Amino acid sequence: MSHLKRLSMPKSWPIKRKGIKFVIKSKPGPHSLDTSIPLGIVLRDILRYCNTMREAKFILNNKIILVDGRRRKDYRFPVGLFDIIRIADIEGAFRVVFDEKGGIKLISDKPLDVKLCKIVGKNKIKGKMQLKFSDGKTLILDKEGYNVGDSLFVNLPKMDVKEHIKFEKGALIYLTGGKHIGETGRIDDVVADNIIYKNDKNVLVATLKKYAFPVGKDKSLIKIKE
């Protein structure tokens, strides 16, 4: 099914629930339905570059729209956390983030070719290490030392590694789920599947380990708030 009722669409989508009965549905892709939004909706409802989905399709077919450095023409292509959207002839780029209510939003940024990717799985292939990231990308490397939960700061679209941010005590993290979604903090302790982090107000908070996305050591390597 290519559409869904607005009343049943993910709460993270920042569009009205009343009015038109149906809304387009993301295609299966690098992000889940709840944590992503179709590219056509981004153009029409968030960036407001057009008024109808027909116009959004026209833009995608006739202008170069890049997501993480690769051209996308599908209006149902899902864009999600930290994806970078760039439109030809427009200076700068937009990064997908979550607000503190869990809603998807776009913030403007100047770097066009760098991204943070969180490692969610790894395995060996012919003696080399294959890493799987939260945005669906994969990367094969000769060296080891990368663990699930760590993040890599990479150049796009070739995924050249610039920096490795370990999931460890003292790391700066961005919360991607739970009631503290959209917050930042610094890891204070890790206990089994939970972490304790110190938020911006210097208060200790507990949450699930899986919600923590390392974004830097001393400071975030990317812009995550306006």
Protein backbone atom coordinates (compact mmCIF):
# COMPACT_ATOMS: atom_id res chain seq x y z
CA MET A 1 0.00 0.00 0.00
CA SER A 2 1.44 3.37 -1.05
CA HIS A 3 -0.82 5.47 1.22
CA LEU A 4 -2.00 5.48 4.81
CA LYS A 5 -4.61 7.38 6.75
CA ARG A 6 -3.40 10.60 8.30
CA LEU A 7 -4.88 9.59 11.65
CA SER A 8 -2.65 6.51 11.72
CA MET A 9 0.56 8.08 10.39
CA PRO A 10 3.62 8.21 12.70
CA LYS A 11 3.48 10.88 15.41
CA SER A 12 6.94 12.02 14.34
CA TRP A 13 5.63 13.42 11.04
CA PRO A 14 5.17 17.21 11.42
CA ILE A 15 2.06 17.52 9.24
CA LYS A 16 -1.63 18.04 10.00
CA ARG A 17 -3.70 15.00 10.87
CA LYS A 18 -6.99 16.54 9.83
CA GLY A 19 -8.07 17.58 6.36
CA ILE A 20 -7.06 15.28 3.52
CA LYS A 21 -7.82 11.69 4.50
CA PHE A 22 -4.74 9.95 3.11
CA VAL A 23 -1.01 10.66 2.99
CA ILE A 24 1.76 8.89 1.09
CA LYS A 25 3.65 6.13 2.86
CA SER A 26 7.43 5.71 2.85
CA LYS A 27 8.84 2.85 0.85
CA PRO A 28 10.78 0.21 2.78
CA GLY A 29 14.31 1.53 2.98
CA PRO A 30 17.19 2.52 5.24
CA HIS A 31 14.96 3.83 8.05
CA SER A 32 11.86 2.52 9.80
CA LEU A 33 8.44 4.10 9.17
CA ASP A 34 8.35 5.72 12.63
CA THR A 35 11.79 7.32 12.35
CA SER A 36 11.65 8.59 8.77
CA ILE A 37 9.49 10.62 6.44
CA PRO A 38 8.94 10.44 2.65
CA LEU A 39 11.06 12.80 0.57
CA GLY A 40 7.95 14.14 -1.18
CA ILE A 41 6.46 15.27 2.14
CA VAL A 42 9.75 16.94 3.03
CA LEU A 43 9.62 19.02 -0.15
CA ARG A 44 5.92 19.86 0.10
CA ASP A 45 5.13 20.16 3.82
CA ILE A 46 8.42 20.93 5.58
CA LEU A 47 10.52 22.91 3.10
CA ARG A 48 7.39 24.14 1.28
CA TYR A 49 9.04 24.18 -2.13
CA CYS A 50 5.74 23.10 -3.72
CA ASN A 51 2.02 22.89 -2.97
CA THR A 52 1.11 19.44 -4.28
CA MET A 53 2.68 15.99 -4.47
CA ARG A 54 2.51 16.25 -8.24
CA GLU A 55 4.78 19.29 -8.08
CA ALA A 56 7.08 17.41 -5.66
CA LYS A 57 7.42 14.60 -8.21
CA PHE A 58 8.22 17.17 -10.91
CA ILE A 59 10.98 18.68 -8.75
CA LEU A 60 12.49 15.25 -8.06
CA ASN A 61 12.47 14.35 -11.74
CA ASN A 62 13.84 17.66 -12.98
CA LYS A 63 16.13 18.95 -10.24
CA ILE A 64 19.06 17.22 -8.61
CA ILE A 65 17.98 16.28 -5.07
CA LEU A 66 20.75 14.59 -3.10
CA VAL A 67 20.29 12.52 0.05
CA ASP A 68 23.63 11.67 1.65
CA GLY A 69 25.37 12.61 -1.57
CA ARG A 70 23.31 10.38 -3.87
CA ARG A 71 20.58 11.56 -6.20
CA ARG A 72 17.05 10.47 -5.30
CA LYS A 73 14.02 10.68 -7.60
CA ASP A 74 11.50 8.61 -5.63
CA TYR A 75 9.00 10.80 -3.77
CA ARG A 76 8.43 7.95 -1.30
CA PHE A 77 12.11 7.51 -0.44
CA PRO A 78 12.46 7.60 3.39
CA VAL A 79 14.79 10.15 4.94
CA GLY A 80 15.67 9.83 8.61
CA LEU A 81 17.97 10.83 11.44
CA PHE A 82 21.08 12.80 10.43
CA ASP A 83 20.43 12.28 6.69
CA ILE A 84 21.65 15.25 4.66
CA ILE A 85 19.36 16.68 1.99
CA ARG A 86 20.82 19.00 -0.61
CA ILE A 87 19.04 20.66 -3.51
CA ALA A 88 20.95 21.76 -6.59
CA ASP A 89 21.27 25.54 -7.04
CA ILE A 90 20.59 26.14 -3.33
CA GLU A 91 23.53 26.92 -1.08
CA GLY A 92 23.90 24.83 2.06
CA ALA A 93 22.10 21.68 3.11
CA PHE A 94 19.48 20.37 5.52
CA ARG A 95 20.04 17.76 8.22
CA VAL A 96 17.23 15.60 9.62
CA VAL A 97 17.00 15.62 13.44
CA PHE A 98 14.40 14.98 16.16
CA ASP A 99 12.92 17.72 18.32
CA GLU A 100 12.41 17.14 22.04
CA LYS A 101 8.89 15.81 21.42
CA GLY A 102 10.12 13.20 18.97
CA GLY A 103 9.02 15.09 15.87
CA ILE A 104 11.11 15.05 12.70
CA LYS A 105 12.53 18.44 11.74
CA LEU A 106 15.14 19.85 9.37
CA ILE A 107 17.91 22.20 10.36
CA SER A 108 20.07 24.10 7.90
CA ASP A 109 23.79 23.43 7.77
CA LYS A 110 26.75 24.28 5.58
CA PRO A 111 28.80 21.05 5.44
CA LEU A 112 27.48 19.05 2.51
CA ASP A 113 29.56 15.91 2.66
CA VAL A 114 29.94 14.70 6.26
CA LYS A 115 27.70 12.56 8.45
CA LEU A 116 27.65 10.63 11.72
CA CYS A 117 26.67 6.95 11.41
CA LYS A 118 25.98 4.69 14.38
CA ILE A 119 27.17 1.07 14.25
CA VAL A 120 24.27 -1.34 14.92
CA GLY A 121 25.87 -4.59 13.73
CA LYS A 122 29.13 -6.10 12.53
CA ASN A 123 30.48 -9.34 11.07
CA LYS A 124 33.55 -10.64 9.24
CA ILE A 125 33.69 -11.14 5.48
CA LYS A 126 36.82 -12.74 4.00
CA GLY A 127 38.93 -11.58 6.92
CA LYS A 128 37.64 -8.01 6.81
CA MET A 129 35.19 -6.27 9.13
CA GLN A 130 31.77 -5.32 7.75
CA LEU A 131 29.92 -2.67 9.73
CA LYS A 132 26.18 -2.05 9.51
CA PHE A 133 24.85 1.39 10.40
CA SER A 134 21.53 2.69 11.73
CA ASP A 135 20.76 4.37 8.39
CA GLY A 136 21.05 1.10 6.47
CA LYS A 137 24.53 1.77 5.08
CA THR A 138 27.34 -0.77 5.31
CA LEU A 139 31.11 -0.39 5.23
CA ILE A 140 33.93 -2.93 4.92
CA LEU A 141 37.20 -2.05 6.67
CA ASP A 142 40.56 -3.76 7.07
CA LYS A 143 41.06 -2.74 10.68
CA GLU A 144 39.11 -3.80 13.77
CA GLY A 145 38.41 -2.00 17.03
CA TYR A 146 34.93 -0.81 16.10
CA ASN A 147 32.07 -1.91 18.38
CA VAL A 148 28.28 -1.89 18.17
CA GLY A 149 27.10 1.39 19.68
CA ASP A 150 30.10 3.39 18.43
CA SER A 151 29.71 6.09 15.77
CA LEU A 152 31.84 6.95 12.75
CA PHE A 153 32.22 10.43 11.30
CA VAL A 154 32.40 9.88 7.55
CA ASN A 155 32.70 11.70 4.24
CA LEU A 156 29.81 11.20 1.80
CA PRO A 157 29.02 9.48 -0.43
CA LYS A 158 32.15 7.27 -0.31
CA MET A 159 31.97 6.69 3.47
CA ASP A 160 35.63 7.56 4.11
CA VAL A 161 36.17 7.48 7.88
CA LYS A 162 37.30 10.79 9.40
CA GLU A 163 36.85 10.01 13.09
CA HIS A 164 35.77 7.20 15.43
CA ILE A 165 33.58 8.08 18.45
CA LYS A 166 33.48 5.26 20.97
CA PHE A 167 30.44 4.45 23.09
CA GLU A 168 32.09 4.93 26.45
CA LYS A 169 31.99 6.94 29.65
CA GLY A 170 32.40 10.64 28.93
CA ALA A 171 31.15 10.46 25.33
CA LEU A 172 28.67 13.11 24.22
CA ILE A 173 25.41 11.46 23.12
CA TYR A 174 22.18 12.37 21.36
CA LEU A 175 19.00 10.57 22.45
CA THR A 176 17.08 8.97 19.58
CA GLY A 177 14.16 7.44 21.49
CA GLY A 178 12.26 7.32 24.77
CA LYS A 179 10.88 10.26 26.69
CA HIS A 180 14.21 12.10 26.47
CA ILE A 181 14.40 11.97 22.66
CA GLY A 182 16.20 14.91 21.10
CA GLU A 183 18.22 15.67 24.24
CA THR A 184 22.00 15.64 24.48
CA GLY A 185 24.14 14.57 27.40
CA ARG A 186 27.36 12.92 28.49
CA ILE A 187 27.59 9.25 29.49
CA ASP A 188 28.23 8.83 33.22
CA ASP A 189 27.82 5.05 33.52
CA VAL A 190 26.69 1.98 31.58
CA VAL A 191 24.74 -0.74 33.43
CA ALA A 192 23.72 -3.75 31.30
CA ASP A 193 21.19 -2.45 28.74
CA ASN A 194 20.85 0.95 30.42
CA ILE A 195 22.95 4.07 30.66
CA ILE A 196 23.10 6.97 33.04
CA TYR A 197 23.95 10.29 31.43
CA LYS A 198 24.33 13.86 32.61
CA ASN A 199 22.06 16.22 30.67
CA ASP A 200 22.57 19.89 29.77
CA LYS A 201 21.25 20.89 33.20
CA ASN A 202 23.87 18.71 34.93
CA VAL A 203 21.18 16.27 36.10
CA LEU A 204 21.73 12.49 35.98
CA VAL A 205 19.15 10.67 33.85
CA ALA A 206 18.68 6.95 33.12
CA THR A 207 17.56 5.59 29.77
CA LEU A 208 18.03 2.59 27.50
CA LYS A 209 21.45 2.06 25.98
CA LYS A 210 19.97 1.61 22.48
CA TYR A 211 18.72 5.23 22.47
CA ALA A 212 22.22 6.70 22.87
CA PHE A 213 23.90 7.92 19.67
CA PRO A 214 27.51 9.11 20.24
CA VAL A 215 28.00 12.46 18.49
CA GLY A 216 31.37 13.62 19.77
CA LYS A 217 33.94 13.69 22.53
CA ASP A 218 34.35 17.30 23.67
CA LYS A 219 31.58 18.65 21.42
CA SER A 220 29.22 17.40 18.73
CA LEU A 221 30.91 16.83 15.38
CA ILE A 222 27.74 17.92 13.57
CA LYS A 223 25.12 20.58 14.10
CA ILE A 224 22.12 19.00 15.84
CA LYS A 225 20.14 22.07 16.91
CA GLU A 226 19.33 25.45 15.36
